[in-house]
Amino acid sequence: APDLPGFGRSDPPDNPSIGAYHRFITRLVSERPAGDTVLVG
């Protein structure tokens, strides 16, 4: 469970667009092989 960029103790994104939050999710999902992650929002 991450603090999304700008929330909690995470630093804010340079550009707080939905694309920036997508890139953040991509970094975390890519830590595991494809098909290993259940995304809960």
PDB file of all heavy atoms in Angstrom:
ATOM      1  N   ALA A   1       0.852  -1.194   0.000  1.00  0.00           N
ATOM      2  CA  ALA A   1       0.000   0.000   0.000  1.00  0.00           C
ATOM      3  C   ALA A   1       0.883   1.237   0.000  1.00  0.00           C
ATOM      4  O   ALA A   1       1.427   1.604   1.043  1.00  0.00           O
ATOM      5  CB  ALA A   1      -0.931  -0.003   1.213  1.00  0.00           C
ATOM      6  N   PRO A   2       1.059   1.882  -1.142  1.00  0.00           N
ATOM      7  CA  PRO A   2       1.887   3.088  -1.179  1.00  0.00           C
ATOM      8  C   PRO A   2       1.102   4.343  -0.830  1.00  0.00           C
ATOM      9  O   PRO A   2      -0.127   4.409  -1.025  1.00  0.00           O
ATOM     10  CB  PRO A   2       2.331   3.141  -2.646  1.00  0.00           C
ATOM     11  CG  PRO A   2       1.173   2.539  -3.389  1.00  0.00           C
ATOM     12  CD  PRO A   2       0.599   1.480  -2.477  1.00  0.00           C
ATOM     13  N   ASP A   3       1.796   5.336  -0.292  1.00  0.00           N
ATOM     14  CA  ASP A   3       1.268   6.696  -0.304  1.00  0.00           C
ATOM     15  C   ASP A   3       1.413   7.190  -1.737  1.00  0.00           C
ATOM     16  O   ASP A   3       2.535   7.277  -2.257  1.00  0.00           O
ATOM     17  CB  ASP A   3       2.088   7.609   0.621  1.00  0.00           C
ATOM     18  CG  ASP A   3       1.824   7.351   2.096  1.00  0.00           C
ATOM     19  OD1 ASP A   3       0.743   6.868   2.436  1.00  0.00           O
ATOM     20  OD2 ASP A   3       2.731   7.637   2.904  1.00  0.00           O
ATOM     21  N   LEU A   4       0.316   7.491  -2.394  1.00  0.00           N
ATOM     22  CA  LEU A   4       0.415   8.015  -3.761  1.00  0.00           C
ATOM     23  C   LEU A   4       1.228   9.310  -3.757  1.00  0.00           C
ATOM     24  O   LEU A   4       1.265  10.029  -2.749  1.00  0.00           O
ATOM     25  CB  LEU A   4      -0.976   8.265  -4.335  1.00  0.00           C
ATOM     26  CG  LEU A   4      -1.799   7.003  -4.633  1.00  0.00           C
ATOM     27  CD1 LEU A   4      -3.221   7.385  -5.029  1.00  0.00           C
ATOM     28  CD2 LEU A   4      -1.148   6.149  -5.716  1.00  0.00           C
ATOM     29  N   PRO A   5       1.920   9.609  -4.853  1.00  0.00           N
ATOM     30  CA  PRO A   5       2.755  10.810  -4.900  1.00  0.00           C
ATOM     31  C   PRO A   5       1.997  12.059  -4.450  1.00  0.00           C
ATOM     32  O   PRO A   5       0.907  12.360  -4.928  1.00  0.00           O
ATOM     33  CB  PRO A   5       3.150  10.897  -6.381  1.00  0.00           C
ATOM     34  CG  PRO A   5       3.170   9.473  -6.837  1.00  0.00           C
ATOM     35  CD  PRO A   5       2.027   8.819  -6.100  1.00  0.00           C
ATOM     36  N   GLY A   6       2.598  12.750  -3.476  1.00  0.00           N
ATOM     37  CA  GLY A   6       1.993  13.959  -2.928  1.00  0.00           C
ATOM     38  C   GLY A   6       1.175  13.726  -1.679  1.00  0.00           C
ATOM     39  O   GLY A   6       0.794  14.680  -1.000  1.00  0.00           O
ATOM     40  N   PHE A   7       0.896  12.463  -1.348  1.00  0.00           N
ATOM     41  CA  PHE A   7       0.081  12.135  -0.191  1.00  0.00           C
ATOM     42  C   PHE A   7       0.923  11.401   0.850  1.00  0.00           C
ATOM     43  O   PHE A   7       1.947  10.800   0.534  1.00  0.00           O
ATOM     44  CB  PHE A   7      -1.122  11.287  -0.610  1.00  0.00           C
ATOM     45  CG  PHE A   7      -2.063  12.022  -1.517  1.00  0.00           C
ATOM     46  CD1 PHE A   7      -1.892  11.984  -2.896  1.00  0.00           C
ATOM     47  CD2 PHE A   7      -3.105  12.779  -1.004  1.00  0.00           C
ATOM     48  CE1 PHE A   7      -2.747  12.674  -3.748  1.00  0.00           C
ATOM     49  CE2 PHE A   7      -3.958  13.474  -1.836  1.00  0.00           C
ATOM     50  CZ  PHE A   7      -3.779  13.427  -3.214  1.00  0.00           C
ATOM     51  N   GLY A   8       0.458  11.447   2.106  1.00  0.00           N
ATOM     52  CA  GLY A   8       1.224  10.803   3.162  1.00  0.00           C
ATOM     53  C   GLY A   8       2.632  11.368   3.221  1.00  0.00           C
ATOM     54  O   GLY A   8       2.839  12.575   3.296  1.00  0.00           O
ATOM     55  N   ARG A   9       3.614  10.475   3.140  1.00  0.00           N
ATOM     56  CA  ARG A   9       5.011  10.890   3.196  1.00  0.00           C
ATOM     57  C   ARG A   9       5.714  10.783   1.847  1.00  0.00           C
ATOM     58  O   ARG A   9       6.940  10.906   1.773  1.00  0.00           O
ATOM     59  CB  ARG A   9       5.752  10.057   4.240  1.00  0.00           C
ATOM     60  CG  ARG A   9       5.298  10.323   5.676  1.00  0.00           C
ATOM     61  CD  ARG A   9       6.160   9.581   6.678  1.00  0.00           C
ATOM     62  NE  ARG A   9       5.964   8.137   6.585  1.00  0.00           N
ATOM     63  CZ  ARG A   9       6.759   7.233   7.147  1.00  0.00           C
ATOM     64  NH1 ARG A   9       7.848   7.627   7.800  1.00  0.00           N
ATOM     65  NH2 ARG A   9       6.498   5.945   7.041  1.00  0.00           N
ATOM     66  N   SER A  10       4.963  10.542   0.773  1.00  0.00           N
ATOM     67  CA  SER A  10       5.568  10.481  -0.561  1.00  0.00           C
ATOM     68  C   SER A  10       5.697  11.877  -1.158  1.00  0.00           C
ATOM     69  O   SER A  10       4.831  12.729  -0.977  1.00  0.00           O
ATOM     70  CB  SER A  10       4.728   9.600  -1.500  1.00  0.00           C
ATOM     71  OG  SER A  10       4.807   8.244  -1.138  1.00  0.00           O
ATOM     72  N   ASP A  11       6.798  12.093  -1.873  1.00  0.00           N
ATOM     73  CA  ASP A  11       7.003  13.377  -2.538  1.00  0.00           C
ATOM     74  C   ASP A  11       5.982  13.558  -3.655  1.00  0.00           C
ATOM     75  O   ASP A  11       5.540  12.585  -4.279  1.00  0.00           O
ATOM     76  CB  ASP A  11       8.416  13.450  -3.123  1.00  0.00           C
ATOM     77  CG  ASP A  11       9.478  13.608  -2.051  1.00  0.00           C
ATOM     78  OD1 ASP A  11       9.137  14.045  -0.940  1.00  0.00           O
ATOM     79  OD2 ASP A  11      10.653  13.274  -2.323  1.00  0.00           O
ATOM     80  N   PRO A  12       5.601  14.803  -3.956  1.00  0.00           N
ATOM     81  CA  PRO A  12       4.642  15.048  -5.039  1.00  0.00           C
ATOM     82  C   PRO A  12       5.279  14.812  -6.402  1.00  0.00           C
ATOM     83  O   PRO A  12       6.493  14.923  -6.559  1.00  0.00           O
ATOM     84  CB  PRO A  12       4.270  16.523  -4.855  1.00  0.00           C
ATOM     85  CG  PRO A  12       5.450  17.128  -4.163  1.00  0.00           C
ATOM     86  CD  PRO A  12       5.996  16.054  -3.273  1.00  0.00           C
ATOM     87  N   PRO A  13       4.469  14.485  -7.408  1.00  0.00           N
ATOM     88  CA  PRO A  13       5.005  14.333  -8.764  1.00  0.00           C
ATOM     89  C   PRO A  13       5.339  15.699  -9.349  1.00  0.00           C
ATOM     90  O   PRO A  13       4.799  16.719  -8.925  1.00  0.00           O
ATOM     91  CB  PRO A  13       3.847  13.673  -9.518  1.00  0.00           C
ATOM     92  CG  PRO A  13       2.624  14.137  -8.796  1.00  0.00           C
ATOM     93  CD  PRO A  13       3.016  14.256  -7.349  1.00  0.00           C
ATOM     94  N   ASP A  14       6.230  15.698 -10.335  1.00  0.00           N
ATOM     95  CA  ASP A  14       6.565  16.960 -10.999  1.00  0.00           C
ATOM     96  C   ASP A  14       5.337  17.544 -11.692  1.00  0.00           C
ATOM     97  O   ASP A  14       5.113  18.755 -11.677  1.00  0.00           O
ATOM     98  CB  ASP A  14       7.680  16.722 -12.031  1.00  0.00           C
ATOM     99  CG  ASP A  14       8.957  16.217 -11.381  1.00  0.00           C
ATOM    100  OD1 ASP A  14       9.216  16.600 -10.219  1.00  0.00           O
ATOM    101  OD2 ASP A  14       9.679  15.434 -12.020  1.00  0.00           O
ATOM    102  N   ASN A  15       4.557  16.663 -12.299  1.00  0.00           N
ATOM    103  CA  ASN A  15       3.347  17.083 -13.009  1.00  0.00           C
ATOM    104  C   ASN A  15       2.216  16.180 -12.541  1.00  0.00           C
ATOM    105  O   ASN A  15       2.173  15.006 -12.899  1.00  0.00           O
ATOM    106  CB  ASN A  15       3.543  16.947 -14.523  1.00  0.00           C
ATOM    107  CG  ASN A  15       2.260  17.207 -15.295  1.00  0.00           C
ATOM    108  OD1 ASN A  15       1.323  17.814 -14.773  1.00  0.00           O
ATOM    109  ND2 ASN A  15       2.212  16.742 -16.532  1.00  0.00           N
ATOM    110  N   PRO A  16       1.297  16.678 -11.702  1.00  0.00           N
ATOM    111  CA  PRO A  16       0.281  15.815 -11.094  1.00  0.00           C
ATOM    112  C   PRO A  16      -0.859  15.449 -12.046  1.00  0.00           C
ATOM    113  O   PRO A  16      -2.042  15.588 -11.723  1.00  0.00           O
ATOM    114  CB  PRO A  16      -0.219  16.661  -9.924  1.00  0.00           C
ATOM    115  CG  PRO A  16      -0.050  18.062 -10.388  1.00  0.00           C
ATOM    116  CD  PRO A  16       1.206  18.072 -11.227  1.00  0.00           C
ATOM    117  N   SER A  17      -0.522  14.966 -13.224  1.00  0.00           N
ATOM    118  CA  SER A  17      -1.523  14.525 -14.189  1.00  0.00           C
ATOM    119  C   SER A  17      -1.867  13.071 -13.913  1.00  0.00           C
ATOM    120  O   SER A  17      -1.151  12.357 -13.204  1.00  0.00           O
ATOM    121  CB  SER A  17      -0.994  14.666 -15.614  1.00  0.00           C
ATOM    122  OG  SER A  17       0.088  13.766 -15.813  1.00  0.00           O
ATOM    123  N   ILE A  18      -2.949  12.591 -14.511  1.00  0.00           N
ATOM    124  CA  ILE A  18      -3.302  11.191 -14.355  1.00  0.00           C
ATOM    125  C   ILE A  18      -2.199  10.309 -14.946  1.00  0.00           C
ATOM    126  O   ILE A  18      -1.944   9.202 -14.459  1.00  0.00           O
ATOM    127  CB  ILE A  18      -4.678  10.898 -14.992  1.00  0.00           C
ATOM    128  CG1 ILE A  18      -5.183   9.521 -14.550  1.00  0.00           C
ATOM    129  CG2 ILE A  18      -4.639  11.033 -16.497  1.00  0.00           C
ATOM    130  CD1 ILE A  18      -6.628   9.268 -14.911  1.00  0.00           C
ATOM    131  N   GLY A  19      -1.500  10.816 -15.963  1.00  0.00           N
ATOM    132  CA  GLY A  19      -0.392  10.069 -16.543  1.00  0.00           C
ATOM    133  C   GLY A  19       0.734   9.862 -15.553  1.00  0.00           C
ATOM    134  O   GLY A  19       1.382   8.807 -15.537  1.00  0.00           O
ATOM    135  N   ALA A  20       0.988  10.847 -14.692  1.00  0.00           N
ATOM    136  CA  ALA A  20       2.037  10.711 -13.682  1.00  0.00           C
ATOM    137  C   ALA A  20       1.685   9.615 -12.685  1.00  0.00           C
ATOM    138  O   ALA A  20       2.549   8.832 -12.277  1.00  0.00           O
ATOM    139  CB  ALA A  20       2.248  12.037 -12.962  1.00  0.00           C
ATOM    140  N   TYR A  21       0.422   9.541 -12.301  1.00  0.00           N
ATOM    141  CA  TYR A  21       0.001   8.486 -11.383  1.00  0.00           C
ATOM    142  C   TYR A  21       0.010   7.128 -12.072  1.00  0.00           C
ATOM    143  O   TYR A  21       0.319   6.106 -11.448  1.00  0.00           O
ATOM    144  CB  TYR A  21      -1.370   8.810 -10.789  1.00  0.00           C
ATOM    145  CG  TYR A  21      -1.277   9.942  -9.796  1.00  0.00           C
ATOM    146  CD1 TYR A  21      -1.547  11.255 -10.159  1.00  0.00           C
ATOM    147  CD2 TYR A  21      -0.868   9.694  -8.486  1.00  0.00           C
ATOM    148  CE1 TYR A  21      -1.425  12.294  -9.247  1.00  0.00           C
ATOM    149  CE2 TYR A  21      -0.751  10.728  -7.564  1.00  0.00           C
ATOM    150  CZ  TYR A  21      -1.021  12.023  -7.955  1.00  0.00           C
ATOM    151  OH  TYR A  21      -0.877  13.054  -7.054  1.00  0.00           O
ATOM    152  N   HIS A  22      -0.286   7.087 -13.362  1.00  0.00           N
ATOM    153  CA  HIS A  22      -0.160   5.840 -14.113  1.00  0.00           C
ATOM    154  C   HIS A  22       1.290   5.362 -14.134  1.00  0.00           C
ATOM    155  O   HIS A  22       1.561   4.159 -13.969  1.00  0.00           O
ATOM    156  CB  HIS A  22      -0.648   6.045 -15.544  1.00  0.00           C
ATOM    157  CG  HIS A  22      -2.132   5.914 -15.695  1.00  0.00           C
ATOM    158  ND1 HIS A  22      -2.741   5.729 -16.910  1.00  0.00           N
ATOM    159  CD2 HIS A  22      -3.137   5.924 -14.776  1.00  0.00           C
ATOM    160  CE1 HIS A  22      -4.050   5.633 -16.749  1.00  0.00           C
ATOM    161  NE2 HIS A  22      -4.310   5.765 -15.451  1.00  0.00           N
ATOM    162  N   ARG A  23       2.219   6.266 -14.328  1.00  0.00           N
ATOM    163  CA  ARG A  23       3.631   5.863 -14.355  1.00  0.00           C
ATOM    164  C   ARG A  23       4.077   5.341 -12.986  1.00  0.00           C
ATOM    165  O   ARG A  23       4.880   4.402 -12.903  1.00  0.00           O
ATOM    166  CB  ARG A  23       4.504   7.049 -14.801  1.00  0.00           C
ATOM    167  CG  ARG A  23       4.336   7.395 -16.274  1.00  0.00           C
ATOM    168  CD  ARG A  23       5.354   8.411 -16.741  1.00  0.00           C
ATOM    169  NE  ARG A  23       5.119   9.732 -16.178  1.00  0.00           N
ATOM    170  CZ  ARG A  23       4.297  10.631 -16.702  1.00  0.00           C
ATOM    171  NH1 ARG A  23       3.595  10.351 -17.803  1.00  0.00           N
ATOM    172  NH2 ARG A  23       4.156  11.828 -16.140  1.00  0.00           N
ATOM    173  N   PHE A  24       3.550   5.919 -11.931  1.00  0.00           N
ATOM    174  CA  PHE A  24       3.846   5.440 -10.585  1.00  0.00           C
ATOM    175  C   PHE A  24       3.338   4.004 -10.402  1.00  0.00           C
ATOM    176  O   PHE A  24       4.042   3.137  -9.875  1.00  0.00           O
ATOM    177  CB  PHE A  24       3.202   6.378  -9.562  1.00  0.00           C
ATOM    178  CG  PHE A  24       3.414   5.984  -8.130  1.00  0.00           C
ATOM    179  CD1 PHE A  24       4.617   6.242  -7.494  1.00  0.00           C
ATOM    180  CD2 PHE A  24       2.405   5.356  -7.411  1.00  0.00           C
ATOM    181  CE1 PHE A  24       4.818   5.875  -6.161  1.00  0.00           C
ATOM    182  CE2 PHE A  24       2.593   5.001  -6.083  1.00  0.00           C
ATOM    183  CZ  PHE A  24       3.805   5.255  -5.462  1.00  0.00           C
ATOM    184  N   ILE A  25       2.113   3.741 -10.848  1.00  0.00           N
ATOM    185  CA  ILE A  25       1.563   2.385 -10.767  1.00  0.00           C
ATOM    186  C   ILE A  25       2.396   1.423 -11.593  1.00  0.00           C
ATOM    187  O   ILE A  25       2.692   0.298 -11.163  1.00  0.00           O
ATOM    188  CB  ILE A  25       0.091   2.381 -11.233  1.00  0.00           C
ATOM    189  CG1 ILE A  25      -0.775   3.238 -10.300  1.00  0.00           C
ATOM    190  CG2 ILE A  25      -0.452   0.960 -11.309  1.00  0.00           C
ATOM    191  CD1 ILE A  25      -2.175   3.500 -10.835  1.00  0.00           C
ATOM    192  N   THR A  26       2.800   1.843 -12.773  1.00  0.00           N
ATOM    193  CA  THR A  26       3.610   0.982 -13.648  1.00  0.00           C
ATOM    194  C   THR A  26       4.889   0.549 -12.961  1.00  0.00           C
ATOM    195  O   THR A  26       5.286  -0.625 -13.036  1.00  0.00           O
ATOM    196  CB  THR A  26       3.944   1.709 -14.954  1.00  0.00           C
ATOM    197  OG1 THR A  26       2.727   2.005 -15.657  1.00  0.00           O
ATOM    198  CG2 THR A  26       4.844   0.870 -15.848  1.00  0.00           C
ATOM    199  N   ARG A  27       5.551   1.470 -12.256  1.00  0.00           N
ATOM    200  CA  ARG A  27       6.801   1.119 -11.577  1.00  0.00           C
ATOM    201  C   ARG A  27       6.572   0.035 -10.535  1.00  0.00           C
ATOM    202  O   ARG A  27       7.388  -0.882 -10.386  1.00  0.00           O
ATOM    203  CB  ARG A  27       7.416   2.366 -10.930  1.00  0.00           C
ATOM    204  CG  ARG A  27       7.980   3.358 -11.924  1.00  0.00           C
ATOM    205  CD  ARG A  27       8.921   4.333 -11.262  1.00  0.00           C
ATOM    206  NE  ARG A  27       8.242   5.211 -10.327  1.00  0.00           N
ATOM    207  CZ  ARG A  27       7.637   6.352 -10.669  1.00  0.00           C
ATOM    208  NH1 ARG A  27       7.614   6.731 -11.935  1.00  0.00           N
ATOM    209  NH2 ARG A  27       7.064   7.109  -9.753  1.00  0.00           N
ATOM    210  N   LEU A  28       5.465   0.103  -9.804  1.00  0.00           N
ATOM    211  CA  LEU A  28       5.200  -0.882  -8.766  1.00  0.00           C
ATOM    212  C   LEU A  28       4.729  -2.213  -9.353  1.00  0.00           C
ATOM    213  O   LEU A  28       5.137  -3.282  -8.888  1.00  0.00           O
ATOM    214  CB  LEU A  28       4.158  -0.342  -7.789  1.00  0.00           C
ATOM    215  CG  LEU A  28       4.609   0.867  -6.958  1.00  0.00           C
ATOM    216  CD1 LEU A  28       3.476   1.353  -6.073  1.00  0.00           C
ATOM    217  CD2 LEU A  28       5.824   0.525  -6.103  1.00  0.00           C
ATOM    218  N   VAL A  29       3.867  -2.163 -10.365  1.00  0.00           N
ATOM    219  CA  VAL A  29       3.390  -3.401 -10.980  1.00  0.00           C
ATOM    220  C   VAL A  29       4.537  -4.151 -11.642  1.00  0.00           C
ATOM    221  O   VAL A  29       4.610  -5.384 -11.598  1.00  0.00           O
ATOM    222  CB  VAL A  29       2.272  -3.105 -12.005  1.00  0.00           C
ATOM    223  CG1 VAL A  29       1.926  -4.360 -12.812  1.00  0.00           C
ATOM    224  CG2 VAL A  29       1.020  -2.590 -11.298  1.00  0.00           C
ATOM    225  N   SER A  30       5.481  -3.426 -12.243  1.00  0.00           N
ATOM    226  CA  SER A  30       6.575  -4.058 -12.982  1.00  0.00           C
ATOM    227  C   SER A  30       7.579  -4.746 -12.070  1.00  0.00           C
ATOM    228  O   SER A  30       8.463  -5.453 -12.557  1.00  0.00           O
ATOM    229  CB  SER A  30       7.288  -3.026 -13.857  1.00  0.00           C
ATOM    230  OG  SER A  30       7.900  -2.020 -13.066  1.00  0.00           O
ATOM    231  N   GLU A  31       7.465  -4.577 -10.748  1.00  0.00           N
ATOM    232  CA  GLU A  31       8.344  -5.286  -9.827  1.00  0.00           C
ATOM    233  C   GLU A  31       8.057  -6.785  -9.809  1.00  0.00           C
ATOM    234  O   GLU A  31       8.899  -7.572  -9.387  1.00  0.00           O
ATOM    235  CB  GLU A  31       8.183  -4.726  -8.403  1.00  0.00           C
ATOM    236  CG  GLU A  31       8.678  -3.307  -8.236  1.00  0.00           C
ATOM    237  CD  GLU A  31       8.430  -2.778  -6.833  1.00  0.00           C
ATOM    238  OE1 GLU A  31       7.801  -3.490  -6.019  1.00  0.00           O
ATOM    239  OE2 GLU A  31       8.847  -1.642  -6.562  1.00  0.00           O
ATOM    240  N   ARG A  32       6.851  -7.172 -10.245  1.00  0.00           N
ATOM    241  CA  ARG A  32       6.458  -8.577 -10.268  1.00  0.00           C
ATOM    242  C   ARG A  32       6.186  -9.005 -11.703  1.00  0.00           C
ATOM    243  O   ARG A  32       5.833  -8.179 -12.555  1.00  0.00           O
ATOM    244  CB  ARG A  32       5.208  -8.787  -9.411  1.00  0.00           C
ATOM    245  CG  ARG A  32       5.372  -8.461  -7.930  1.00  0.00           C
ATOM    246  CD  ARG A  32       6.236  -9.479  -7.222  1.00  0.00           C
ATOM    247  NE  ARG A  32       5.635 -10.802  -7.235  1.00  0.00           N
ATOM    248  CZ  ARG A  32       4.895 -11.311  -6.241  1.00  0.00           C
ATOM    249  NH1 ARG A  32       4.688 -10.597  -5.142  1.00  0.00           N
ATOM    250  NH2 ARG A  32       4.379 -12.522  -6.319  1.00  0.00           N
ATOM    251  N   PRO A  33       6.311 -10.307 -12.019  1.00  0.00           N
ATOM    252  CA  PRO A  33       5.987 -10.776 -13.369  1.00  0.00           C
ATOM    253  C   PRO A  33       4.544 -10.469 -13.740  1.00  0.00           C
ATOM    254  O   PRO A  33       3.668 -10.358 -12.870  1.00  0.00           O
ATOM    255  CB  PRO A  33       6.234 -12.289 -13.284  1.00  0.00           C
ATOM    256  CG  PRO A  33       7.176 -12.465 -12.143  1.00  0.00           C
ATOM    257  CD  PRO A  33       6.824 -11.395 -11.158  1.00  0.00           C
ATOM    258  N   ALA A  34       4.280 -10.342 -15.025  1.00  0.00           N
ATOM    259  CA  ALA A  34       2.923 -10.083 -15.503  1.00  0.00           C
ATOM    260  C   ALA A  34       1.987 -11.169 -15.005  1.00  0.00           C
ATOM    261  O   ALA A  34       2.301 -12.359 -15.036  1.00  0.00           O
ATOM    262  CB  ALA A  34       2.900 -10.024 -17.026  1.00  0.00           C
ATOM    263  N   GLY A  35       0.835 -10.754 -14.527  1.00  0.00           N
ATOM    264  CA  GLY A  35      -0.159 -11.697 -14.039  1.00  0.00           C
ATOM    265  C   GLY A  35      -0.058 -12.004 -12.566  1.00  0.00           C
ATOM    266  O   GLY A  35      -0.867 -12.775 -12.031  1.00  0.00           O
ATOM    267  N   ASP A  36       0.905 -11.412 -11.870  1.00  0.00           N
ATOM    268  CA  ASP A  36       1.073 -11.668 -10.434  1.00  0.00           C
ATOM    269  C   ASP A  36       0.348 -10.658  -9.555  1.00  0.00           C
ATOM    270  O   ASP A  36       0.233 -10.868  -8.347  1.00  0.00           O
ATOM    271  CB  ASP A  36       2.559 -11.643 -10.053  1.00  0.00           C
ATOM    272  CG  ASP A  36       3.257 -12.959 -10.333  1.00  0.00           C
ATOM    273  OD1 ASP A  36       2.628 -13.828 -10.960  1.00  0.00           O
ATOM    274  OD2 ASP A  36       4.420 -13.112  -9.941  1.00  0.00           O
ATOM    275  N   THR A  37      -0.118  -9.551 -10.135  1.00  0.00           N
ATOM    276  CA  THR A  37      -0.657  -8.448  -9.332  1.00  0.00           C
ATOM    277  C   THR A  37      -2.168  -8.328  -9.474  1.00  0.00           C
ATOM    278  O   THR A  37      -2.710  -8.350 -10.584  1.00  0.00           O
ATOM    279  CB  THR A  37      -0.002  -7.114  -9.746  1.00  0.00           C
ATOM    280  OG1 THR A  37       1.412  -7.188  -9.518  1.00  0.00           O
ATOM    281  CG2 THR A  37      -0.570  -5.955  -8.950  1.00  0.00           C
ATOM    282  N   VAL A  38      -2.825  -8.201  -8.332  1.00  0.00           N
ATOM    283  CA  VAL A  38      -4.232  -7.799  -8.293  1.00  0.00           C
ATOM    284  C   VAL A  38      -4.248  -6.337  -7.849  1.00  0.00           C
ATOM    285  O   VAL A  38      -3.805  -6.016  -6.744  1.00  0.00           O
ATOM    286  CB  VAL A  38      -5.050  -8.665  -7.316  1.00  0.00           C
ATOM    287  CG1 VAL A  38      -6.482  -8.147  -7.219  1.00  0.00           C
ATOM    288  CG2 VAL A  38      -5.047 -10.122  -7.762  1.00  0.00           C
ATOM    289  N   LEU A  39      -4.723  -5.475  -8.725  1.00  0.00           N
ATOM    290  CA  LEU A  39      -4.741  -4.041  -8.447  1.00  0.00           C
ATOM    291  C   LEU A  39      -6.048  -3.704  -7.739  1.00  0.00           C
ATOM    292  O   LEU A  39      -7.136  -4.030  -8.222  1.00  0.00           O
ATOM    293  CB  LEU A  39      -4.616  -3.269  -9.758  1.00  0.00           C
ATOM    294  CG  LEU A  39      -4.297  -1.776  -9.699  1.00  0.00           C
ATOM    295  CD1 LEU A  39      -3.033  -1.507  -8.891  1.00  0.00           C
ATOM    296  CD2 LEU A  39      -4.151  -1.218 -11.115  1.00  0.00           C
ATOM    297  N   VAL A  40      -5.932  -3.082  -6.578  1.00  0.00           N
ATOM    298  CA  VAL A  40      -7.085  -2.771  -5.735  1.00  0.00           C
ATOM    299  C   VAL A  40      -7.127  -1.259  -5.531  1.00  0.00           C
ATOM    300  O   VAL A  40      -6.163  -0.671  -5.038  1.00  0.00           O
ATOM    301  CB  VAL A  40      -6.977  -3.481  -4.368  1.00  0.00           C
ATOM    302  CG1 VAL A  40      -8.212  -3.195  -3.521  1.00  0.00           C
ATOM    303  CG2 VAL A  40      -6.786  -4.985  -4.551  1.00  0.00           C
ATOM    304  N   GLY A  41      -8.220  -0.633  -5.911  1.00  0.00           N
ATOM    305  CA  GLY A  41      -8.301   0.821  -5.800  1.00  0.00           C
ATOM    306  C   GLY A  41      -9.587   1.286  -5.163  1.00  0.00           C
ATOM    307  O   GLY A  41     -10.655   0.696  -5.363  1.00  0.00           O
TER     308      GLY A  41
END
